[in-house]
Structures are given as structure tokens and as C-alpha cells.
Amino acid sequence: MYVTDTLQAIAENTAVPAASFTDGKHGKAMTRRWAEKDKPAPPEETRTPEEVIEHVIGRLKEVSGN
């Protein structure tokens, strides 16, 4: 795991200066760590802010016993 992180850092440190030749649009070698490649991305939040607040208040009431 640490070897892949090191190799990613080396690749990015080499690619970022070279990105000046591509208007800065390239240079990121990997978007995710190799160790996290098999973990699914977290689900996209679909609740409205009001629903989130309502959920948090409900959980606080459960925890406090009210």
C-alpha cells in the first residue's frame, strides 16, 4: 500500500510540471488511491437540507431519550 502511494506521488510530481504544456488540464495520475480501488464510492446525497436537519433532530431526540 505504501509503495503504491509513493509511486502515485512520484508520478504526480513528475506530471504536474509537465501539465504546463497542456494548459494545466492534465497532471493528476490517479483520482483514487490504489488501496481504495475496490471500495465503492459513497452514495450521492439525495435529501434536501430540511430533510437532513429533520433527521439530525430526530436522532438527537433518540439519543437524549425525549
N, C-alpha and C. Protein backbone atom coordinates (compact mmCIF):
# COMPACT_ATOMS: atom_id res chain seq x y z
N MET A 1 0.83 -1.18 0.00
CA MET A 1 0.00 0.00 0.00
C MET A 1 0.88 1.25 0.00
N TYR A 2 1.89 1.30 0.84
CA TYR A 2 2.73 2.49 0.89
C TYR A 2 3.54 2.65 -0.38
N VAL A 3 3.89 1.55 -1.01
CA VAL A 3 4.65 1.62 -2.27
C VAL A 3 3.79 2.27 -3.35
N THR A 4 2.52 1.88 -3.43
CA THR A 4 1.66 2.46 -4.46
C THR A 4 1.41 3.94 -4.20
N ASP A 5 1.29 4.33 -2.92
CA ASP A 5 1.13 5.75 -2.60
C ASP A 5 2.37 6.54 -3.01
N THR A 6 3.54 5.95 -2.77
CA THR A 6 4.79 6.61 -3.15
C THR A 6 4.90 6.74 -4.66
N LEU A 7 4.58 5.67 -5.37
CA LEU A 7 4.63 5.72 -6.83
C LEU A 7 3.64 6.73 -7.39
N GLN A 8 2.48 6.83 -6.77
CA GLN A 8 1.49 7.82 -7.21
C GLN A 8 2.04 9.22 -7.00
N ALA A 9 2.65 9.47 -5.85
CA ALA A 9 3.22 10.80 -5.58
C ALA A 9 4.33 11.14 -6.57
N ILE A 10 5.18 10.16 -6.88
CA ILE A 10 6.26 10.39 -7.85
C ILE A 10 5.67 10.72 -9.22
N ALA A 11 4.67 9.96 -9.62
CA ALA A 11 4.05 10.19 -10.94
C ALA A 11 3.42 11.57 -11.00
N GLU A 12 2.72 11.97 -9.94
CA GLU A 12 2.07 13.28 -9.94
C GLU A 12 3.09 14.41 -9.88
N ASN A 13 4.15 14.21 -9.11
CA ASN A 13 5.18 15.25 -9.04
C ASN A 13 5.89 15.42 -10.37
N THR A 14 5.91 14.37 -11.16
CA THR A 14 6.50 14.47 -12.49
C THR A 14 5.49 15.04 -13.48
N ALA A 15 4.23 14.66 -13.33
CA ALA A 15 3.21 15.06 -14.29
C ALA A 15 2.77 16.51 -14.12
N VAL A 16 2.74 17.01 -12.90
CA VAL A 16 2.23 18.36 -12.67
C VAL A 16 3.08 19.42 -13.39
N PRO A 17 4.42 19.38 -13.29
CA PRO A 17 5.19 20.37 -14.07
C PRO A 17 4.98 20.21 -15.58
N ALA A 18 4.78 18.99 -16.03
CA ALA A 18 4.57 18.76 -17.45
C ALA A 18 3.19 19.25 -17.89
N ALA A 19 2.28 19.46 -16.94
CA ALA A 19 0.94 19.92 -17.28
C ALA A 19 0.95 21.32 -17.85
N SER A 20 2.03 22.06 -17.63
CA SER A 20 2.10 23.40 -18.20
C SER A 20 2.09 23.37 -19.72
N PHE A 21 2.47 22.24 -20.30
CA PHE A 21 2.44 22.09 -21.75
C PHE A 21 1.04 21.76 -22.26
N THR A 22 0.12 21.42 -21.35
CA THR A 22 -1.24 21.06 -21.75
C THR A 22 -2.25 22.03 -21.14
N ASP A 23 -1.87 23.26 -20.94
CA ASP A 23 -2.74 24.29 -20.35
C ASP A 23 -3.21 23.93 -18.94
N GLY A 24 -2.46 23.08 -18.23
CA GLY A 24 -2.79 22.72 -16.86
C GLY A 24 -3.98 21.80 -16.72
N LYS A 25 -4.44 21.22 -17.83
CA LYS A 25 -5.62 20.36 -17.77
C LYS A 25 -5.29 18.93 -17.36
N HIS A 26 -4.03 18.56 -17.37
CA HIS A 26 -3.64 17.20 -17.02
C HIS A 26 -2.58 17.25 -15.93
N GLY A 27 -2.30 16.13 -15.33
CA GLY A 27 -1.27 16.09 -14.32
C GLY A 27 -1.64 15.23 -13.13
N LYS A 28 -2.92 14.93 -12.97
CA LYS A 28 -3.34 14.06 -11.87
C LYS A 28 -3.28 12.62 -12.37
N ALA A 29 -2.39 11.82 -11.76
CA ALA A 29 -2.17 10.46 -12.24
C ALA A 29 -3.35 9.56 -11.94
N MET A 30 -3.84 9.59 -10.72
CA MET A 30 -4.95 8.73 -10.32
C MET A 30 -5.92 9.56 -9.48
N THR A 31 -7.19 9.32 -9.65
CA THR A 31 -8.16 10.07 -8.87
C THR A 31 -8.40 9.44 -7.50
N ARG A 32 -8.06 8.15 -7.36
CA ARG A 32 -8.24 7.45 -6.09
C ARG A 32 -6.98 6.68 -5.75
N ARG A 33 -6.79 6.43 -4.46
CA ARG A 33 -5.66 5.64 -4.02
C ARG A 33 -5.87 4.20 -4.48
N TRP A 34 -4.78 3.50 -4.75
CA TRP A 34 -4.85 2.11 -5.17
C TRP A 34 -5.50 1.26 -4.08
N ALA A 35 -5.21 1.57 -2.83
CA ALA A 35 -5.77 0.80 -1.71
C ALA A 35 -7.28 0.95 -1.62
N GLU A 36 -7.84 2.00 -2.19
CA GLU A 36 -9.27 2.25 -2.13
C GLU A 36 -10.00 1.88 -3.41
N LYS A 37 -9.31 1.23 -4.34
CA LYS A 37 -9.91 0.96 -5.65
C LYS A 37 -11.10 0.01 -5.59
N ASP A 38 -11.13 -0.89 -4.59
CA ASP A 38 -12.21 -1.86 -4.50
C ASP A 38 -13.36 -1.39 -3.63
N LYS A 39 -13.19 -0.26 -2.96
CA LYS A 39 -14.26 0.28 -2.12
C LYS A 39 -15.19 1.11 -2.99
N PRO A 40 -16.48 0.87 -2.87
CA PRO A 40 -17.41 1.68 -3.67
C PRO A 40 -17.43 3.12 -3.19
N ALA A 41 -17.73 4.01 -4.09
CA ALA A 41 -17.84 5.42 -3.74
C ALA A 41 -19.06 5.60 -2.85
N PRO A 42 -19.01 6.57 -1.93
CA PRO A 42 -20.19 6.79 -1.08
C PRO A 42 -21.37 7.23 -1.93
N PRO A 43 -22.57 6.86 -1.53
CA PRO A 43 -23.74 7.23 -2.33
C PRO A 43 -23.94 8.74 -2.34
N GLU A 44 -24.47 9.22 -3.43
CA GLU A 44 -24.74 10.65 -3.58
C GLU A 44 -25.88 11.05 -2.64
N GLU A 45 -25.74 12.19 -1.98
CA GLU A 45 -26.77 12.68 -1.06
C GLU A 45 -27.98 13.14 -1.87
N THR A 46 -29.14 12.61 -1.53
CA THR A 46 -30.35 12.95 -2.28
C THR A 46 -31.37 13.68 -1.41
N ARG A 47 -31.07 13.83 -0.12
CA ARG A 47 -32.01 14.51 0.78
C ARG A 47 -31.85 16.03 0.65
N THR A 48 -32.94 16.72 0.91
CA THR A 48 -32.90 18.18 0.93
C THR A 48 -32.29 18.63 2.26
N PRO A 49 -31.81 19.86 2.35
CA PRO A 49 -31.28 20.34 3.63
C PRO A 49 -32.30 20.22 4.77
N GLU A 50 -33.56 20.45 4.48
CA GLU A 50 -34.60 20.36 5.51
C GLU A 50 -34.72 18.92 6.00
N GLU A 51 -34.64 17.95 5.09
CA GLU A 51 -34.72 16.55 5.49
C GLU A 51 -33.52 16.14 6.33
N VAL A 52 -32.35 16.66 6.02
CA VAL A 52 -31.16 16.36 6.81
C VAL A 52 -31.31 16.91 8.21
N ILE A 53 -31.77 18.15 8.33
CA ILE A 53 -31.98 18.77 9.64
C ILE A 53 -33.00 17.98 10.44
N GLU A 54 -34.08 17.58 9.80
CA GLU A 54 -35.12 16.79 10.46
C GLU A 54 -34.56 15.46 10.96
N HIS A 55 -33.73 14.83 10.15
CA HIS A 55 -33.11 13.56 10.53
C HIS A 55 -32.19 13.75 11.73
N VAL A 56 -31.37 14.79 11.72
CA VAL A 56 -30.44 15.05 12.82
C VAL A 56 -31.21 15.32 14.11
N ILE A 57 -32.25 16.13 14.03
CA ILE A 57 -33.06 16.43 15.22
C ILE A 57 -33.70 15.15 15.75
N GLY A 58 -34.20 14.30 14.86
CA GLY A 58 -34.79 13.03 15.28
C GLY A 58 -33.78 12.14 15.98
N ARG A 59 -32.56 12.06 15.42
CA ARG A 59 -31.51 11.24 16.05
C ARG A 59 -31.11 11.80 17.41
N LEU A 60 -31.05 13.12 17.53
CA LEU A 60 -30.72 13.74 18.82
C LEU A 60 -31.78 13.44 19.86
N LYS A 61 -33.03 13.45 19.44
CA LYS A 61 -34.12 13.11 20.37
C LYS A 61 -34.01 11.66 20.81
N GLU A 62 -33.64 10.75 19.90
CA GLU A 62 -33.47 9.34 20.26
C GLU A 62 -32.36 9.18 21.28
N VAL A 63 -31.25 9.86 21.06
CA VAL A 63 -30.09 9.73 21.93
C VAL A 63 -30.38 10.32 23.31
N SER A 64 -31.08 11.45 23.34
CA SER A 64 -31.35 12.10 24.63
C SER A 64 -32.49 11.44 25.38
N GLY A 65 -33.27 10.59 24.71
CA GLY A 65 -34.36 9.88 25.36
C GLY A 65 -35.67 10.64 25.40
N ASN A 66 -35.77 11.73 24.68
CA ASN A 66 -37.01 12.51 24.65
C ASN A 66 -37.86 12.10 23.50
